[in-house]
Amino acid sequence: MQVAAPQLTSQLQRGLRSLYTLHGDEPLLIQEAGDAIRAAAREQGYTERTVHTVAGAHFDWSEVLASGGSLSLFADKQLIEIRVPSGKPGKDGSQVLQQLAASAEGNDSVLTLVVLPRLDAATQKGAWFAALDSFGVTVRVDPVDRKALPQWIAQRLQQQGQRVAAGEEGQRTLQFFADRVEGNLLAAHQEIQKLALLHPPGELGFDQVEAAVLNVARYDAFKLAEAVLGGQSLRVQRMLDGLQAEGEAAVLVHWALAEDIRTLNRVRHAMDAGRPLPMALRENRVWGVKEKLMERVLPQLGTATLARWLRDAHTVDGIVKGLKQPDWPADPWVALQQLAQRVSQACALR
């Protein structure tokens, strides 16, 4: 049974199940979801906890099976936690997880919690994951999207009795906060807690937030590509500056930008050949946020524009690898800025 992460608390209140699976790449939200399950388990008498971290191809899965039948003298219920950081339990692990899932139903003495990273669609169709989902509760923990981050911050502030000003001033404060912590939700949580220590409950002004919140934002090249397609020129510049400061390889940043340009070009040609846009996107393995962004800009992008972007991307490819190109900056990061802003501004106009 699949449950959205925000609904996990209400599900736990309705009744504790014997098997839970968490999967996602946001450490803070995974930790909080796991803590909620552990707290509910303690209230129900699961006082003994055993943790197994699956590391390496030679992990002994028999220990996991044995722990389920080895209660101590001081507890009649136990929580078994299985962490699979790779998301790939292997052949033996797959069989054990299916066995644990099948035995979980009706077993009130053992509660099993499986913690996994974000899983792709193919892995979620595997027999072991299907068994976990069929016999227990599966919670997919999604990261907080940049657009949703200001509201997420506001909700967290509200939980500790604080709030920003109403109207435009408050939105400016939340946007500033989000810019400072983007891509680093754990640090965002810590900065919110810091505000509770520095200021009493009530309204927070922009100056108070600006003085307290550190710049702990972290960026990745693939989120940068999303900002480019979204036409967010100021955010694009801020992310490029951040990636350069963090020591990210210019080659990787260029690859992410160029790959999106190549994808736009392939989808455009498929559309010109008569393919419907949704079908062309699926055939080019475009899903999620990028699917929505490309659906917005592609109908207005002509083949001539995309061909020019492809030539520009090829030129910048040489620059980031040390070649000099006429009429282009010699500095790889300045060239990347020029390419990214050229595409971003065109997407913004559309």
Protein backbone atom coordinates (compact mmCIF):
# COMPACT_ATOMS: atom_id res chain seq x y z
CA MET A 1 0.00 0.00 0.00
CA GLN A 2 1.48 3.31 -1.06
CA VAL A 3 1.13 6.32 1.22
CA ALA A 4 2.29 9.87 0.44
CA ALA A 5 4.87 11.15 2.90
CA PRO A 6 2.65 13.96 4.27
CA GLN A 7 -0.06 11.37 5.08
CA LEU A 8 2.26 9.03 7.01
CA THR A 9 1.41 10.53 10.40
CA SER A 10 -2.33 10.09 9.91
CA GLN A 11 -1.76 6.52 8.71
CA LEU A 12 0.23 5.72 11.84
CA GLN A 13 -2.56 7.14 13.99
CA ARG A 14 -5.07 4.83 12.31
CA GLY A 15 -3.03 1.77 13.22
CA LEU A 16 0.53 0.49 13.10
CA ARG A 17 1.39 -2.00 10.35
CA SER A 18 4.07 -4.69 10.61
CA LEU A 19 6.04 -3.58 7.54
CA TYR A 20 7.11 -0.12 6.32
CA THR A 21 9.32 0.83 3.38
CA LEU A 22 10.79 4.31 2.92
CA HIS A 23 12.53 5.32 -0.31
CA GLY A 24 13.94 8.69 -1.30
CA ASP A 25 17.10 10.79 -1.46
CA GLU A 26 16.24 13.60 0.96
CA PRO A 27 18.07 12.71 4.23
CA LEU A 28 16.07 15.05 6.48
CA LEU A 29 12.65 13.87 5.30
CA ILE A 30 13.70 10.20 5.34
CA GLN A 31 14.98 10.66 8.91
CA GLU A 32 11.77 12.36 10.03
CA ALA A 33 9.58 9.68 8.45
CA GLY A 34 11.67 6.97 10.08
CA ASP A 35 11.51 8.75 13.44
CA ALA A 36 7.71 8.92 13.21
CA ILE A 37 7.53 5.15 12.62
CA ARG A 38 9.99 4.41 15.43
CA ALA A 39 8.08 6.64 17.88
CA ALA A 40 4.78 4.93 17.02
CA ALA A 41 6.47 1.55 17.42
CA ARG A 42 7.81 2.43 20.88
CA GLU A 43 4.33 3.47 21.97
CA GLN A 44 3.06 0.05 20.88
CA GLY A 45 5.70 -1.80 22.90
CA TYR A 46 8.42 -2.39 20.29
CA THR A 47 11.21 -1.62 22.71
CA GLU A 48 14.02 -3.64 21.11
CA ARG A 49 15.60 -2.36 17.89
CA THR A 50 18.04 -4.08 15.57
CA VAL A 51 19.64 -2.26 12.62
CA HIS A 52 21.16 -3.99 9.59
CA THR A 53 23.04 -1.94 6.99
CA VAL A 54 23.52 -3.82 3.73
CA ALA A 55 27.07 -3.06 2.59
CA GLY A 56 28.87 -4.93 -0.16
CA ALA A 57 27.97 -7.93 -2.28
CA HIS A 58 28.79 -10.41 0.48
CA PHE A 59 26.38 -9.16 3.13
CA ASP A 60 25.05 -12.03 5.23
CA TRP A 61 21.28 -11.85 4.84
CA SER A 62 20.82 -14.85 7.13
CA GLU A 63 21.52 -12.49 10.06
CA VAL A 64 18.45 -10.47 9.08
CA LEU A 65 16.25 -13.57 9.08
CA ALA A 66 17.73 -14.78 12.37
CA SER A 67 17.15 -11.48 14.16
CA GLY A 68 13.42 -11.79 13.60
CA GLY A 69 13.29 -14.91 15.73
CA SER A 70 15.66 -13.91 18.51
CA LEU A 71 13.80 -11.75 21.01
CA SER A 72 15.67 -10.82 24.16
CA LEU A 73 14.51 -11.66 27.67
CA PHE A 74 13.51 -8.03 28.21
CA ALA A 75 11.23 -7.42 25.23
CA ASP A 76 8.40 -9.28 23.54
CA LYS A 77 8.29 -6.98 20.51
CA GLN A 78 11.12 -5.73 18.33
CA LEU A 79 11.78 -3.35 15.45
CA ILE A 80 14.07 -4.64 12.71
CA GLU A 81 15.50 -1.90 10.51
CA ILE A 82 17.10 -2.82 7.17
CA ARG A 83 19.02 -0.11 5.35
CA VAL A 84 20.04 -0.70 1.74
CA PRO A 85 22.03 2.42 0.70
CA SER A 86 22.61 1.14 -2.83
CA GLY A 87 18.95 0.33 -3.43
CA LYS A 88 20.01 -3.06 -4.82
CA PRO A 89 19.66 -5.94 -2.36
CA GLY A 90 20.98 -8.54 -4.82
CA LYS A 91 19.61 -12.03 -5.44
CA ASP A 92 19.86 -13.24 -1.82
CA GLY A 93 18.51 -9.98 -0.46
CA SER A 94 15.61 -10.05 -2.90
CA GLN A 95 14.57 -13.48 -1.65
CA VAL A 96 14.92 -12.49 2.00
CA LEU A 97 12.91 -9.29 1.55
CA GLN A 98 10.13 -11.23 -0.18
CA GLN A 99 10.16 -13.76 2.66
CA LEU A 100 10.04 -11.02 5.30
CA ALA A 101 7.21 -9.26 3.48
CA ALA A 102 5.13 -12.43 3.25
CA SER A 103 5.64 -13.21 6.95
CA ALA A 104 4.91 -9.66 8.12
CA GLU A 105 1.14 -9.92 7.77
CA GLY A 106 -0.38 -10.93 11.08
CA ASN A 107 2.99 -10.85 12.90
CA ASP A 108 2.53 -8.51 15.86
CA SER A 109 5.85 -9.31 17.53
CA VAL A 110 8.15 -7.93 14.80
CA LEU A 111 7.92 -4.62 12.93
CA THR A 112 10.18 -4.33 9.88
CA LEU A 113 11.36 -0.98 8.50
CA VAL A 114 13.20 -0.99 5.16
CA VAL A 115 15.05 2.22 4.19
CA LEU A 116 16.09 2.72 0.56
CA PRO A 117 17.37 5.54 -1.65
CA ARG A 118 15.29 6.92 -4.52
CA LEU A 119 14.36 4.06 -6.83
CA ASP A 120 13.85 4.21 -10.58
CA ALA A 121 10.72 2.83 -12.23
CA ALA A 122 12.39 -0.44 -13.25
CA THR A 123 13.51 -1.22 -9.69
CA GLN A 124 10.03 -0.50 -8.33
CA LYS A 125 8.68 -3.17 -10.66
CA GLY A 126 11.02 -5.81 -9.21
CA ALA A 127 9.57 -8.76 -7.31
CA TRP A 128 11.14 -7.80 -3.97
CA PHE A 129 9.83 -4.22 -4.02
CA ALA A 130 6.41 -5.39 -5.21
CA ALA A 131 6.29 -7.75 -2.22
CA LEU A 132 7.17 -4.96 0.21
CA ASP A 133 4.49 -2.75 -1.32
CA SER A 134 1.89 -5.52 -1.34
CA PHE A 135 2.27 -6.66 2.26
CA GLY A 136 3.16 -3.37 3.93
CA VAL A 137 3.13 0.41 3.68
CA THR A 138 5.41 2.04 1.10
CA VAL A 139 6.29 5.73 1.48
CA ARG A 140 8.04 7.61 -1.33
CA VAL A 141 9.81 10.63 0.12
CA ASP A 142 10.18 13.28 -2.58
CA PRO A 143 12.51 16.27 -2.28
CA VAL A 144 10.99 19.70 -1.76
CA ASP A 145 10.80 21.46 -5.12
CA ARG A 146 12.33 24.93 -5.33
CA LYS A 147 8.93 26.51 -6.00
CA ALA A 148 7.51 24.83 -2.89
CA LEU A 149 10.48 25.69 -0.66
CA PRO A 150 9.21 29.09 0.62
CA GLN A 151 5.91 27.50 1.72
CA TRP A 152 7.81 24.61 3.33
CA ILE A 153 9.90 27.12 5.30
CA ALA A 154 6.75 29.00 6.36
CA GLN A 155 5.16 25.79 7.64
CA ARG A 156 8.27 24.88 9.62
CA LEU A 157 8.39 28.34 11.15
CA GLN A 158 4.72 28.04 12.08
CA GLN A 159 5.40 24.76 13.88
CA GLN A 160 7.75 26.60 16.25
CA GLY A 161 5.39 29.55 16.71
CA GLN A 162 7.04 31.95 14.29
CA ARG A 163 5.92 33.57 11.05
CA VAL A 164 6.95 36.19 8.52
CA ALA A 165 5.04 39.37 7.79
CA ALA A 166 1.94 39.18 5.66
CA GLY A 167 1.89 40.19 2.03
CA GLU A 168 4.76 41.11 -0.23
CA GLU A 169 7.25 41.72 2.58
CA GLY A 170 6.76 38.22 3.95
CA GLN A 171 7.08 36.65 0.49
CA ARG A 172 10.33 38.56 -0.01
CA THR A 173 11.62 37.19 3.29
CA LEU A 174 10.69 33.62 2.38
CA GLN A 175 12.25 33.92 -1.08
CA PHE A 176 15.46 35.25 0.47
CA PHE A 177 15.47 32.34 2.94
CA ALA A 178 14.87 29.83 0.12
CA ASP A 179 17.72 31.30 -1.96
CA ARG A 180 20.09 30.85 0.99
CA VAL A 181 19.23 27.17 1.65
CA GLU A 182 18.22 25.81 -1.78
CA GLY A 183 19.37 22.23 -2.35
CA ASN A 184 20.31 21.70 1.30
CA LEU A 185 17.16 20.83 3.23
CA LEU A 186 18.97 19.57 6.30
CA ALA A 187 20.77 22.89 6.64
CA ALA A 188 17.47 24.69 6.04
CA HIS A 189 15.99 22.79 8.98
CA GLN A 190 18.94 23.81 11.15
CA GLU A 191 18.62 27.46 10.14
CA ILE A 192 14.91 27.40 11.02
CA GLN A 193 15.74 25.92 14.44
CA LYS A 194 18.38 28.64 14.90
CA LEU A 195 15.69 31.30 14.46
CA ALA A 196 13.72 29.70 17.31
CA LEU A 197 16.78 30.05 19.55
CA LEU A 198 17.51 33.63 18.54
CA HIS A 199 13.99 35.08 18.54
CA PRO A 200 10.80 34.54 20.56
CA PRO A 201 7.57 33.27 19.00
CA GLY A 202 5.84 35.78 16.79
CA GLU A 203 6.59 37.67 13.63
CA LEU A 204 10.06 37.71 12.08
CA GLY A 205 11.21 40.69 10.06
CA PHE A 206 13.38 40.51 6.95
CA ASP A 207 16.35 42.04 8.79
CA GLN A 208 16.17 39.36 11.49
CA VAL A 209 16.13 36.54 8.91
CA GLU A 210 18.87 38.14 6.82
CA ALA A 211 21.14 38.51 9.85
CA ALA A 212 20.58 34.95 11.08
CA VAL A 213 20.39 32.69 8.04
CA LEU A 214 23.69 31.54 6.57
CA ASN A 215 24.21 30.98 2.87
CA VAL A 216 24.23 27.17 2.83
CA ALA A 217 22.68 26.61 -0.59
CA ARG A 218 23.96 23.70 -2.65
CA TYR A 219 23.37 23.29 -6.34
CA ASP A 220 23.76 20.55 -8.89
CA ALA A 221 24.16 20.74 -12.63
CA PHE A 222 20.86 19.02 -13.35
CA LYS A 223 18.84 21.49 -11.26
CA LEU A 224 20.67 24.24 -13.13
CA ALA A 225 19.39 22.79 -16.41
CA GLU A 226 15.83 22.89 -15.04
CA ALA A 227 16.26 26.57 -14.10
CA VAL A 228 17.50 27.30 -17.63
CA LEU A 229 14.43 25.66 -19.21
CA GLY A 230 12.25 27.55 -16.75
CA GLY A 231 13.64 30.87 -17.95
CA GLN A 232 14.82 31.80 -14.43
CA SER A 233 17.78 33.95 -15.44
CA LEU A 234 18.64 35.32 -12.00
CA ARG A 235 18.51 31.86 -10.45
CA VAL A 236 20.63 30.51 -13.31
CA GLN A 237 23.33 33.09 -12.57
CA ARG A 238 23.21 32.37 -8.85
CA MET A 239 23.47 28.61 -9.43
CA LEU A 240 26.39 28.97 -11.85
CA ASP A 241 28.24 31.11 -9.32
CA GLY A 242 27.49 28.54 -6.62
CA LEU A 243 28.61 25.58 -8.73
CA GLN A 244 31.87 27.33 -9.59
CA ALA A 245 32.49 28.23 -5.94
CA GLU A 246 31.82 24.64 -4.88
CA GLY A 247 34.45 23.38 -7.31
CA GLU A 248 32.07 21.59 -9.67
CA ALA A 249 33.64 20.50 -12.96
CA ALA A 250 32.73 22.83 -15.81
CA VAL A 251 32.62 19.78 -18.11
CA LEU A 252 29.78 18.24 -16.10
CA VAL A 253 27.80 21.50 -16.06
CA HIS A 254 28.22 21.79 -19.82
CA TRP A 255 27.12 18.18 -20.34
CA ALA A 256 23.86 18.78 -18.41
CA LEU A 257 23.08 21.91 -20.45
CA ALA A 258 24.06 20.36 -23.77
CA GLU A 259 22.09 17.18 -23.13
CA ASP A 260 18.90 19.20 -22.64
CA ILE A 261 19.56 21.12 -25.86
CA ARG A 262 20.09 17.84 -27.73
CA THR A 263 16.88 16.46 -26.24
CA LEU A 264 14.92 19.55 -27.28
CA ASN A 265 16.29 19.16 -30.79
CA ARG A 266 15.37 15.45 -31.01
CA VAL A 267 11.84 16.08 -29.75
CA ARG A 268 11.41 19.01 -32.15
CA HIS A 269 12.39 16.82 -35.10
CA ALA A 270 10.00 14.09 -33.88
CA MET A 271 7.19 16.65 -33.73
CA ASP A 272 8.02 17.87 -37.24
CA ALA A 273 7.79 14.25 -38.39
CA GLY A 274 4.24 14.02 -37.05
CA ARG A 275 4.77 12.70 -33.54
CA PRO A 276 2.50 14.21 -30.84
CA LEU A 277 4.52 16.16 -28.28
CA PRO A 278 3.68 13.87 -25.28
CA MET A 279 4.68 10.79 -27.27
CA ALA A 280 7.91 12.41 -28.47
CA LEU A 281 8.84 13.33 -24.89
CA ARG A 282 8.20 9.80 -23.64
CA GLU A 283 10.25 8.29 -26.45
CA ASN A 284 13.14 10.53 -25.44
CA ARG A 285 12.78 9.52 -21.76
CA VAL A 286 11.70 12.96 -20.55
CA TRP A 287 9.62 12.82 -17.37
CA GLY A 288 8.69 14.85 -14.31
CA VAL A 289 9.67 18.50 -14.02
CA LYS A 290 11.53 18.61 -17.33
CA GLU A 291 8.55 17.14 -19.15
CA LYS A 292 6.39 20.07 -18.02
CA LEU A 293 9.10 22.62 -18.85
CA MET A 294 9.72 21.22 -22.32
CA GLU A 295 5.99 20.99 -23.03
CA ARG A 296 5.82 24.73 -22.36
CA VAL A 297 8.72 25.88 -24.55
CA LEU A 298 8.92 23.37 -27.41
CA PRO A 299 5.88 24.50 -29.40
CA GLN A 300 7.51 27.93 -29.77
CA LEU A 301 11.04 26.76 -30.57
CA GLY A 302 11.94 26.41 -34.23
CA THR A 303 14.55 24.12 -35.75
CA ALA A 304 16.73 27.12 -36.66
CA THR A 305 16.91 28.27 -33.02
CA LEU A 306 17.70 24.78 -31.79
CA ALA A 307 20.36 24.30 -34.47
CA ARG A 308 22.02 27.54 -33.33
CA TRP A 309 21.95 26.34 -29.70
CA LEU A 310 23.53 23.05 -30.77
CA ARG A 311 26.36 24.95 -32.49
CA ASP A 312 26.82 27.11 -29.39
CA ALA A 313 26.91 24.02 -27.18
CA HIS A 314 29.54 22.46 -29.44
CA THR A 315 31.60 25.65 -29.23
CA VAL A 316 31.41 25.78 -25.42
CA ASP A 317 32.34 22.10 -25.29
CA GLY A 318 35.68 23.03 -26.81
CA ILE A 319 36.14 25.97 -24.43
CA VAL A 320 35.59 23.91 -21.26
CA LYS A 321 38.18 21.45 -22.64
CA GLY A 322 40.78 24.20 -23.11
CA LEU A 323 40.27 25.32 -26.69
CA LYS A 324 39.96 28.97 -27.70
CA GLN A 325 37.02 30.00 -29.86
CA PRO A 326 36.62 33.30 -31.73
CA ASP A 327 33.90 35.64 -30.44
CA TRP A 328 33.53 33.58 -27.24
CA PRO A 329 35.04 34.14 -23.77
CA ALA A 330 38.14 32.08 -23.01
CA ASP A 331 37.04 31.44 -19.41
CA PRO A 332 34.94 28.23 -19.30
CA TRP A 333 32.53 29.55 -16.66
CA VAL A 334 31.91 32.82 -18.50
CA ALA A 335 31.22 30.82 -21.66
CA LEU A 336 28.82 28.57 -19.74
CA GLN A 337 27.04 31.66 -18.41
CA GLN A 338 26.67 33.01 -21.93
CA LEU A 339 25.22 29.73 -23.23
CA ALA A 340 22.91 29.20 -20.25
CA GLN A 341 21.58 32.76 -20.28
CA ARG A 342 21.01 32.69 -24.05
CA VAL A 343 18.78 29.62 -23.68
CA SER A 344 17.19 30.81 -20.43
CA GLN A 345 16.19 34.19 -21.79
CA ALA A 346 14.64 32.61 -24.88
CA CYS A 347 12.66 30.19 -22.67
CA ALA A 348 11.53 33.08 -20.48
CA LEU A 349 10.13 34.95 -23.47
CA ARG A 350 8.01 31.90 -24.24
